[in-house]
Amino acid sequence: MLAAERHAKITAALRSDGAVKVVELAELLDVSEMTIRRDLDVLDERELLRKVHGGAIARSNRGVEPPSTAKAARQHAEKVAIGRAALAAVEDGMTIAVSAGTTTLELARLLRGRSSITVVTNSISIFQELTGHPDEPNPIVYLTGGSRTPSDALVGPIANSALDSFRVDAVFLGVHGFDIESGLTSPNIAEAETNRRLIATGRRLFVLADNTKYREVGTNVFGRMSDIDTLVVDDGLAPSDRTALASHLENIVIADTEKE
């Protein structure tokens, strides 16, 4: 198979799934993993995709906001691991804010049955996860209200006003992207403002993000790397990236991923 044919099949797979893995592409195209890695290098240089540890993800424009259903299928094992690692920071008696997001939803699933904590969220999915099991002693949960975005966040003046009335022990925040130079970003201007309000409610900020979010930059900046108290990221983050981030962050928790 010619390189151009492989490139076409790789980009087609990206359009379909949003992400591809080296191992799966090598099997699909019947070539070595080294060949696939070289193909991904070429396509990355052409800005047709973004190469990440173990594969590649679609390179979207900075104003594009993928729907939550599309994001939920990507890096699922990594998100589960991040949620599990972040759980250790949630102590009995705490009041926490948990932002909308497919990674923070994995943390929320682990908070079921924790009746000693209080949760503030701008996510219908997280609210349902924590209140939809009446036979369990669930947390007290406050839902902000607001307008719903494609990423399943409730945002806008109603959400912002609700958040202004809370003060919490810790904020657990999912992000579209984080970058040393650009900081924390979102493609949605209203969600960026609501995330600012979320950050302002908390004594400590935990950012929950899988490795593909590093160097992803959305249109709207809502926070700086210096705002982060702890970054929780999966073990797919390259060692060189860990070193680069360590000079800007005091605490980085690396979550061990169980392969699905």
C-alpha atoms as a PDB file:
ATOM      1  CA  MET A   1       0.000   0.000   0.000  1.00  0.00           C
ATOM      2  CA  LEU A   2       1.347   3.408  -0.967  1.00  0.00           C
ATOM      3  CA  ALA A   3       1.944   6.043   1.698  1.00  0.00           C
ATOM      4  CA  ALA A   4      -0.752   8.285   0.211  1.00  0.00           C
ATOM      5  CA  GLU A   5      -3.288   5.469   0.544  1.00  0.00           C
ATOM      6  CA  ARG A   6      -2.316   4.876   4.176  1.00  0.00           C
ATOM      7  CA  HIS A   7      -2.586   8.587   4.913  1.00  0.00           C
ATOM      8  CA  ALA A   8      -6.063   8.703   3.379  1.00  0.00           C
ATOM      9  CA  LYS A   9      -7.206   5.729   5.481  1.00  0.00           C
ATOM     10  CA  ILE A  10      -5.709   7.222   8.642  1.00  0.00           C
ATOM     11  CA  THR A  11      -7.435  10.567   8.159  1.00  0.00           C
ATOM     12  CA  ALA A  12     -10.703   8.778   7.322  1.00  0.00           C
ATOM     13  CA  ALA A  13     -10.459   6.828  10.591  1.00  0.00           C
ATOM     14  CA  LEU A  14      -9.866  10.085  12.445  1.00  0.00           C
ATOM     15  CA  ARG A  15     -12.940  11.692  10.914  1.00  0.00           C
ATOM     16  CA  SER A  16     -14.969   8.671  11.997  1.00  0.00           C
ATOM     17  CA  ASP A  17     -13.641   8.132  15.522  1.00  0.00           C
ATOM     18  CA  GLY A  18     -11.854  11.339  16.504  1.00  0.00           C
ATOM     19  CA  ALA A  19      -8.807   9.363  17.636  1.00  0.00           C
ATOM     20  CA  VAL A  20      -6.638   6.496  16.374  1.00  0.00           C
ATOM     21  CA  LYS A  21      -4.110   4.155  17.980  1.00  0.00           C
ATOM     22  CA  VAL A  22      -0.839   3.025  16.437  1.00  0.00           C
ATOM     23  CA  VAL A  23      -1.437  -0.643  17.261  1.00  0.00           C
ATOM     24  CA  GLU A  24      -4.899  -0.673  15.690  1.00  0.00           C
ATOM     25  CA  LEU A  25      -3.761   1.195  12.569  1.00  0.00           C
ATOM     26  CA  ALA A  26      -0.858  -1.200  12.065  1.00  0.00           C
ATOM     27  CA  GLU A  27      -3.262  -4.145  12.167  1.00  0.00           C
ATOM     28  CA  LEU A  28      -5.821  -2.433   9.957  1.00  0.00           C
ATOM     29  CA  LEU A  29      -3.284  -1.426   7.292  1.00  0.00           C
ATOM     30  CA  ASP A  30      -1.099  -4.527   7.658  1.00  0.00           C
ATOM     31  CA  VAL A  31       2.131  -2.589   8.197  1.00  0.00           C
ATOM     32  CA  SER A  32       4.573  -2.207  11.084  1.00  0.00           C
ATOM     33  CA  GLU A  33       3.969   0.121  13.996  1.00  0.00           C
ATOM     34  CA  MET A  34       7.124   2.003  13.006  1.00  0.00           C
ATOM     35  CA  THR A  35       5.605   2.726   9.580  1.00  0.00           C
ATOM     36  CA  ILE A  36       2.447   4.043  11.225  1.00  0.00           C
ATOM     37  CA  ARG A  37       4.456   6.281  13.540  1.00  0.00           C
ATOM     38  CA  ARG A  38       6.283   7.750  10.540  1.00  0.00           C
ATOM     39  CA  ASP A  39       2.939   8.303   8.811  1.00  0.00           C
ATOM     40  CA  LEU A  40       1.609  10.109  11.868  1.00  0.00           C
ATOM     41  CA  ASP A  41       4.734  12.294  11.978  1.00  0.00           C
ATOM     42  CA  VAL A  42       4.125  13.329   8.361  1.00  0.00           C
ATOM     43  CA  LEU A  43       0.425  14.037   8.926  1.00  0.00           C
ATOM     44  CA  ASP A  44       1.209  15.976  12.099  1.00  0.00           C
ATOM     45  CA  GLU A  45       3.696  18.154  10.209  1.00  0.00           C
ATOM     46  CA  ARG A  46       0.976  18.838   7.632  1.00  0.00           C
ATOM     47  CA  GLU A  47      -1.379  19.757  10.526  1.00  0.00           C
ATOM     48  CA  LEU A  48      -3.867  17.091   9.445  1.00  0.00           C
ATOM     49  CA  LEU A  49      -3.851  15.528  12.919  1.00  0.00           C
ATOM     50  CA  ARG A  50      -2.141  15.892  16.285  1.00  0.00           C
ATOM     51  CA  LYS A  51       0.156  13.075  17.322  1.00  0.00           C
ATOM     52  CA  VAL A  52      -0.183  11.949  20.936  1.00  0.00           C
ATOM     53  CA  HIS A  53       1.257   9.108  23.002  1.00  0.00           C
ATOM     54  CA  GLY A  54       0.260   5.846  21.330  1.00  0.00           C
ATOM     55  CA  GLY A  55      -1.639   7.376  18.429  1.00  0.00           C
ATOM     56  CA  ALA A  56      -3.204  10.585  17.185  1.00  0.00           C
ATOM     57  CA  ILE A  57      -6.296  12.740  17.618  1.00  0.00           C
ATOM     58  CA  ALA A  58      -8.162  14.979  15.225  1.00  0.00           C
ATOM     59  CA  ARG A  59      -6.798  18.511  14.995  1.00  0.00           C
ATOM     60  CA  SER A  60      -9.780  20.823  15.403  1.00  0.00           C
ATOM     61  CA  ASN A  61      -9.973  24.583  14.946  1.00  0.00           C
ATOM     62  CA  ARG A  62      -9.743  26.578  18.161  1.00  0.00           C
ATOM     63  CA  GLY A  63     -13.403  27.560  18.080  1.00  0.00           C
ATOM     64  CA  VAL A  64     -14.710  24.026  17.528  1.00  0.00           C
ATOM     65  CA  GLU A  65     -16.398  22.374  20.501  1.00  0.00           C
ATOM     66  CA  PRO A  66     -16.892  18.597  20.141  1.00  0.00           C
ATOM     67  CA  PRO A  67     -20.147  17.217  21.603  1.00  0.00           C
ATOM     68  CA  SER A  68     -19.906  15.334  24.879  1.00  0.00           C
ATOM     69  CA  THR A  69     -21.000  12.088  23.180  1.00  0.00           C
ATOM     70  CA  ALA A  70     -17.947  12.255  20.901  1.00  0.00           C
ATOM     71  CA  LYS A  71     -15.566  13.078  23.739  1.00  0.00           C
ATOM     72  CA  ALA A  72     -16.913  10.329  26.004  1.00  0.00           C
ATOM     73  CA  ALA A  73     -15.636   7.617  23.674  1.00  0.00           C
ATOM     74  CA  ARG A  74     -12.070   8.958  23.606  1.00  0.00           C
ATOM     75  CA  GLN A  75      -9.396   7.921  26.123  1.00  0.00           C
ATOM     76  CA  HIS A  76     -12.009   6.236  28.306  1.00  0.00           C
ATOM     77  CA  ALA A  77      -9.537   4.093  30.266  1.00  0.00           C
ATOM     78  CA  GLU A  78      -7.395   7.168  30.896  1.00  0.00           C
ATOM     79  CA  LYS A  79     -10.383   9.146  32.176  1.00  0.00           C
ATOM     80  CA  VAL A  80     -11.390   6.337  34.516  1.00  0.00           C
ATOM     81  CA  ALA A  81      -7.844   6.257  35.906  1.00  0.00           C
ATOM     82  CA  ILE A  82      -7.809  10.035  36.395  1.00  0.00           C
ATOM     83  CA  GLY A  83     -11.136   9.945  38.235  1.00  0.00           C
ATOM     84  CA  ARG A  84      -9.821   7.202  40.496  1.00  0.00           C
ATOM     85  CA  ALA A  85      -6.640   9.155  41.248  1.00  0.00           C
ATOM     86  CA  ALA A  86      -8.553  12.379  41.964  1.00  0.00           C
ATOM     87  CA  LEU A  87     -10.860  10.577  44.398  1.00  0.00           C
ATOM     88  CA  ALA A  88      -8.081  10.470  46.995  1.00  0.00           C
ATOM     89  CA  ALA A  89      -8.361  14.256  47.389  1.00  0.00           C
ATOM     90  CA  VAL A  90     -12.060  14.157  48.345  1.00  0.00           C
ATOM     91  CA  GLU A  91     -12.303  13.909  52.127  1.00  0.00           C
ATOM     92  CA  ASP A  92     -15.405  13.388  54.231  1.00  0.00           C
ATOM     93  CA  GLY A  93     -17.094  16.659  55.182  1.00  0.00           C
ATOM     94  CA  MET A  94     -15.800  18.560  52.141  1.00  0.00           C
ATOM     95  CA  THR A  95     -17.848  20.792  49.882  1.00  0.00           C
ATOM     96  CA  ILE A  96     -16.533  20.541  46.331  1.00  0.00           C
ATOM     97  CA  ALA A  97     -17.349  21.925  42.898  1.00  0.00           C
ATOM     98  CA  VAL A  98     -17.187  19.525  39.954  1.00  0.00           C
ATOM     99  CA  SER A  99     -17.295  21.003  36.471  1.00  0.00           C
ATOM    100  CA  ALA A 100     -18.981  19.480  33.454  1.00  0.00           C
ATOM    101  CA  GLY A 101     -16.850  17.091  31.443  1.00  0.00           C
ATOM    102  CA  THR A 102     -16.371  13.459  30.527  1.00  0.00           C
ATOM    103  CA  THR A 103     -13.331  13.134  32.813  1.00  0.00           C
ATOM    104  CA  THR A 104     -14.981  14.778  35.823  1.00  0.00           C
ATOM    105  CA  LEU A 105     -17.979  12.497  35.257  1.00  0.00           C
ATOM    106  CA  GLU A 106     -15.710   9.540  36.034  1.00  0.00           C
ATOM    107  CA  LEU A 107     -14.862  11.153  39.373  1.00  0.00           C
ATOM    108  CA  ALA A 108     -18.565  11.758  40.044  1.00  0.00           C
ATOM    109  CA  ARG A 109     -19.328   8.066  39.515  1.00  0.00           C
ATOM    110  CA  LEU A 110     -16.962   7.296  42.386  1.00  0.00           C
ATOM    111  CA  LEU A 111     -18.655   9.803  44.699  1.00  0.00           C
ATOM    112  CA  ARG A 112     -21.939   7.908  44.834  1.00  0.00           C
ATOM    113  CA  GLY A 113     -22.711   6.832  48.373  1.00  0.00           C
ATOM    114  CA  ARG A 114     -20.614   9.632  49.921  1.00  0.00           C
ATOM    115  CA  SER A 115     -23.352  11.241  52.019  1.00  0.00           C
ATOM    116  CA  SER A 116     -20.849  13.258  54.045  1.00  0.00           C
ATOM    117  CA  ILE A 117     -19.873  15.522  51.137  1.00  0.00           C
ATOM    118  CA  THR A 118     -21.625  18.334  49.271  1.00  0.00           C
ATOM    119  CA  VAL A 119     -21.204  18.807  45.513  1.00  0.00           C
ATOM    120  CA  VAL A 120     -21.825  21.898  43.390  1.00  0.00           C
ATOM    121  CA  THR A 121     -21.937  21.225  39.649  1.00  0.00           C
ATOM    122  CA  ASN A 122     -22.877  22.796  36.325  1.00  0.00           C
ATOM    123  CA  SER A 123     -23.431  19.411  34.692  1.00  0.00           C
ATOM    124  CA  ILE A 124     -26.803  17.685  34.309  1.00  0.00           C
ATOM    125  CA  SER A 125     -24.987  14.366  33.762  1.00  0.00           C
ATOM    126  CA  ILE A 126     -23.080  14.695  37.040  1.00  0.00           C
ATOM    127  CA  PHE A 127     -26.241  15.801  38.873  1.00  0.00           C
ATOM    128  CA  GLN A 128     -28.084  12.742  37.576  1.00  0.00           C
ATOM    129  CA  GLU A 129     -25.177  10.465  38.441  1.00  0.00           C
ATOM    130  CA  LEU A 130     -25.197  11.657  42.058  1.00  0.00           C
ATOM    131  CA  THR A 131     -28.961  11.901  42.606  1.00  0.00           C
ATOM    132  CA  GLY A 132     -30.387   9.159  40.410  1.00  0.00           C
ATOM    133  CA  HIS A 133     -29.888   6.346  42.935  1.00  0.00           C
ATOM    134  CA  PRO A 134     -32.452   6.942  45.716  1.00  0.00           C
ATOM    135  CA  ASP A 135     -31.560   3.740  47.555  1.00  0.00           C
ATOM    136  CA  GLU A 136     -28.025   4.992  48.212  1.00  0.00           C
ATOM    137  CA  PRO A 137     -26.901   7.606  50.800  1.00  0.00           C
ATOM    138  CA  ASN A 138     -25.819  10.114  48.145  1.00  0.00           C
ATOM    139  CA  PRO A 139     -24.099  13.492  48.541  1.00  0.00           C
ATOM    140  CA  ILE A 140     -26.035  16.739  48.804  1.00  0.00           C
ATOM    141  CA  VAL A 141     -25.891  18.134  45.249  1.00  0.00           C
ATOM    142  CA  TYR A 142     -26.574  21.635  43.913  1.00  0.00           C
ATOM    143  CA  LEU A 143     -27.102  22.116  40.159  1.00  0.00           C
ATOM    144  CA  THR A 144     -26.458  25.637  38.877  1.00  0.00           C
ATOM    145  CA  GLY A 145     -28.939  25.876  36.016  1.00  0.00           C
ATOM    146  CA  GLY A 146     -28.085  27.799  32.863  1.00  0.00           C
ATOM    147  CA  SER A 147     -27.840  27.243  29.111  1.00  0.00           C
ATOM    148  CA  ARG A 148     -26.512  23.894  27.930  1.00  0.00           C
ATOM    149  CA  THR A 149     -23.461  23.708  25.642  1.00  0.00           C
ATOM    150  CA  PRO A 150     -22.499  20.886  23.231  1.00  0.00           C
ATOM    151  CA  SER A 151     -20.042  19.706  25.896  1.00  0.00           C
ATOM    152  CA  ASP A 152     -22.931  19.243  28.357  1.00  0.00           C
ATOM    153  CA  ALA A 153     -22.011  22.223  30.540  1.00  0.00           C
ATOM    154  CA  LEU A 154     -24.585  24.634  31.977  1.00  0.00           C
ATOM    155  CA  VAL A 155     -23.242  28.133  31.410  1.00  0.00           C
ATOM    156  CA  GLY A 156     -24.252  31.765  31.136  1.00  0.00           C
ATOM    157  CA  PRO A 157     -25.645  34.390  33.557  1.00  0.00           C
ATOM    158  CA  ILE A 158     -27.837  31.976  35.535  1.00  0.00           C
ATOM    159  CA  ALA A 159     -24.980  29.523  36.089  1.00  0.00           C
ATOM    160  CA  ASN A 160     -22.556  32.335  36.915  1.00  0.00           C
ATOM    161  CA  SER A 161     -24.920  33.933  39.426  1.00  0.00           C
ATOM    162  CA  ALA A 162     -25.464  30.592  41.154  1.00  0.00           C
ATOM    163  CA  LEU A 163     -21.733  29.928  41.413  1.00  0.00           C
ATOM    164  CA  ASP A 164     -21.090  33.357  42.901  1.00  0.00           C
ATOM    165  CA  SER A 165     -23.107  32.302  45.958  1.00  0.00           C
ATOM    166  CA  PHE A 166     -20.857  29.326  46.785  1.00  0.00           C
ATOM    167  CA  ARG A 167     -17.473  28.845  48.414  1.00  0.00           C
ATOM    168  CA  VAL A 168     -16.010  25.341  48.324  1.00  0.00           C
ATOM    169  CA  ASP A 169     -12.996  23.462  49.647  1.00  0.00           C
ATOM    170  CA  ALA A 170     -11.841  22.314  46.212  1.00  0.00           C
ATOM    171  CA  VAL A 171     -12.754  22.607  42.538  1.00  0.00           C
ATOM    172  CA  PHE A 172     -12.347  19.621  40.226  1.00  0.00           C
ATOM    173  CA  LEU A 173     -12.207  21.020  36.722  1.00  0.00           C
ATOM    174  CA  GLY A 174     -12.211  19.382  33.318  1.00  0.00           C
ATOM    175  CA  VAL A 175     -10.664  21.370  30.476  1.00  0.00           C
ATOM    176  CA  HIS A 176     -10.721  21.479  26.692  1.00  0.00           C
ATOM    177  CA  GLY A 177      -6.977  22.068  26.751  1.00  0.00           C
ATOM    178  CA  PHE A 178      -4.037  23.123  28.905  1.00  0.00           C
ATOM    179  CA  ASP A 179      -0.814  24.643  27.674  1.00  0.00           C
ATOM    180  CA  ILE A 180       2.211  26.163  29.390  1.00  0.00           C
ATOM    181  CA  GLU A 181       1.998  29.393  27.390  1.00  0.00           C
ATOM    182  CA  SER A 182      -1.760  29.708  26.827  1.00  0.00           C
ATOM    183  CA  GLY A 183      -3.022  28.292  30.114  1.00  0.00           C
ATOM    184  CA  LEU A 184      -6.501  26.762  30.478  1.00  0.00           C
ATOM    185  CA  THR A 185      -8.759  27.255  27.483  1.00  0.00           C
ATOM    186  CA  SER A 186     -12.176  26.510  26.024  1.00  0.00           C
ATOM    187  CA  PRO A 187     -13.629  26.974  22.512  1.00  0.00           C
ATOM    188  CA  ASN A 188     -16.840  28.330  24.093  1.00  0.00           C
ATOM    189  CA  ILE A 189     -16.714  31.897  25.459  1.00  0.00           C
ATOM    190  CA  ALA A 190     -19.673  31.391  27.801  1.00  0.00           C
ATOM    191  CA  GLU A 191     -18.187  28.187  29.210  1.00  0.00           C
ATOM    192  CA  ALA A 192     -14.873  29.966  29.725  1.00  0.00           C
ATOM    193  CA  GLU A 193     -16.573  32.623  31.865  1.00  0.00           C
ATOM    194  CA  THR A 194     -18.459  30.003  33.884  1.00  0.00           C
ATOM    195  CA  ASN A 195     -15.185  28.123  34.440  1.00  0.00           C
ATOM    196  CA  ARG A 196     -13.659  31.351  35.793  1.00  0.00           C
ATOM    197  CA  ARG A 197     -16.516  31.573  38.291  1.00  0.00           C
ATOM    198  CA  LEU A 198     -16.016  27.908  39.223  1.00  0.00           C
ATOM    199  CA  ILE A 199     -12.320  28.478  39.879  1.00  0.00           C
ATOM    200  CA  ALA A 200     -13.144  31.512  42.029  1.00  0.00           C
ATOM    201  CA  THR A 201     -15.366  29.445  44.344  1.00  0.00           C
ATOM    202  CA  GLY A 202     -12.591  27.165  45.511  1.00  0.00           C
ATOM    203  CA  ARG A 203      -9.739  27.136  47.976  1.00  0.00           C
ATOM    204  CA  ARG A 204      -7.837  24.647  45.768  1.00  0.00           C
ATOM    205  CA  LEU A 205      -7.991  23.829  42.064  1.00  0.00           C
ATOM    206  CA  PHE A 206      -7.576  20.301  40.719  1.00  0.00           C
ATOM    207  CA  VAL A 207      -7.447  20.061  36.924  1.00  0.00           C
ATOM    208  CA  LEU A 208      -8.436  16.648  35.561  1.00  0.00           C
ATOM    209  CA  ALA A 209      -7.197  16.155  32.000  1.00  0.00           C
ATOM    210  CA  ASP A 210      -6.040  13.240  29.902  1.00  0.00           C
ATOM    211  CA  ASN A 211      -2.725  13.479  28.069  1.00  0.00           C
ATOM    212  CA  THR A 212      -4.309  14.488  24.731  1.00  0.00           C
ATOM    213  CA  LYS A 213      -5.436  17.788  26.284  1.00  0.00           C
ATOM    214  CA  TYR A 214      -1.838  18.950  26.736  1.00  0.00           C
ATOM    215  CA  ARG A 215      -0.931  21.642  24.172  1.00  0.00           C
ATOM    216  CA  GLU A 216      -4.560  21.780  22.982  1.00  0.00           C
ATOM    217  CA  VAL A 217      -5.526  25.467  22.823  1.00  0.00           C
ATOM    218  CA  GLY A 218      -9.092  26.763  22.535  1.00  0.00           C
ATOM    219  CA  THR A 219     -10.139  30.276  21.606  1.00  0.00           C
ATOM    220  CA  ASN A 220     -10.952  31.510  25.115  1.00  0.00           C
ATOM    221  CA  VAL A 221      -8.525  31.618  28.047  1.00  0.00           C
ATOM    222  CA  PHE A 222     -10.066  31.235  31.513  1.00  0.00           C
ATOM    223  CA  GLY A 223      -7.115  30.347  33.717  1.00  0.00           C
ATOM    224  CA  ARG A 224      -3.339  30.267  34.080  1.00  0.00           C
ATOM    225  CA  MET A 225      -1.135  27.308  34.854  1.00  0.00           C
ATOM    226  CA  SER A 226      -0.239  29.067  38.112  1.00  0.00           C
ATOM    227  CA  ASP A 227      -3.909  28.792  39.175  1.00  0.00           C
ATOM    228  CA  ILE A 228      -3.580  24.991  39.344  1.00  0.00           C
ATOM    229  CA  ASP A 229      -2.816  23.433  42.710  1.00  0.00           C
ATOM    230  CA  THR A 230      -2.789  19.871  41.369  1.00  0.00           C
ATOM    231  CA  LEU A 231      -2.875  18.492  37.833  1.00  0.00           C
ATOM    232  CA  VAL A 232      -4.220  14.945  37.577  1.00  0.00           C
ATOM    233  CA  VAL A 233      -3.211  13.380  34.250  1.00  0.00           C
ATOM    234  CA  ASP A 234      -2.819   9.836  32.954  1.00  0.00           C
ATOM    235  CA  ASP A 235       0.433   7.947  32.426  1.00  0.00           C
ATOM    236  CA  GLY A 236       0.231   8.496  28.668  1.00  0.00           C
ATOM    237  CA  LEU A 237       1.792  11.919  29.179  1.00  0.00           C
ATOM    238  CA  ALA A 238       5.304  11.682  27.720  1.00  0.00           C
ATOM    239  CA  PRO A 239       8.244  11.935  30.161  1.00  0.00           C
ATOM    240  CA  SER A 240       9.535  15.053  28.386  1.00  0.00           C
ATOM    241  CA  ASP A 241       6.133  16.716  28.814  1.00  0.00           C
ATOM    242  CA  ARG A 242       6.064  15.788  32.494  1.00  0.00           C
ATOM    243  CA  THR A 243       9.442  17.454  32.921  1.00  0.00           C
ATOM    244  CA  ALA A 244       8.287  20.592  31.097  1.00  0.00           C
ATOM    245  CA  LEU A 245       5.140  20.856  33.209  1.00  0.00           C
ATOM    246  CA  ALA A 246       6.955  20.174  36.489  1.00  0.00           C
ATOM    247  CA  SER A 247       8.713  23.532  36.244  1.00  0.00           C
ATOM    248  CA  HIS A 248       5.314  25.284  36.170  1.00  0.00           C
ATOM    249  CA  LEU A 249       3.249  23.169  38.564  1.00  0.00           C
ATOM    250  CA  GLU A 250       3.841  22.248  42.194  1.00  0.00           C
ATOM    251  CA  ASN A 251       1.834  19.020  42.121  1.00  0.00           C
ATOM    252  CA  ILE A 252       1.313  16.563  39.262  1.00  0.00           C
ATOM    253  CA  VAL A 253      -0.482  13.283  39.958  1.00  0.00           C
ATOM    254  CA  ILE A 254       0.095  10.602  37.328  1.00  0.00           C
ATOM    255  CA  ALA A 255      -2.793   8.130  37.118  1.00  0.00           C
ATOM    256  CA  ASP A 256      -1.949   4.548  36.135  1.00  0.00           C
ATOM    257  CA  THR A 257      -4.162   3.425  33.272  1.00  0.00           C
ATOM    258  CA  GLU A 258      -5.590  -0.069  33.118  1.00  0.00           C
ATOM    259  CA  LYS A 259      -5.758  -1.167  29.500  1.00  0.00           C
ATOM    260  CA  GLU A 260      -9.263  -1.970  28.294  1.00  0.00           C
END
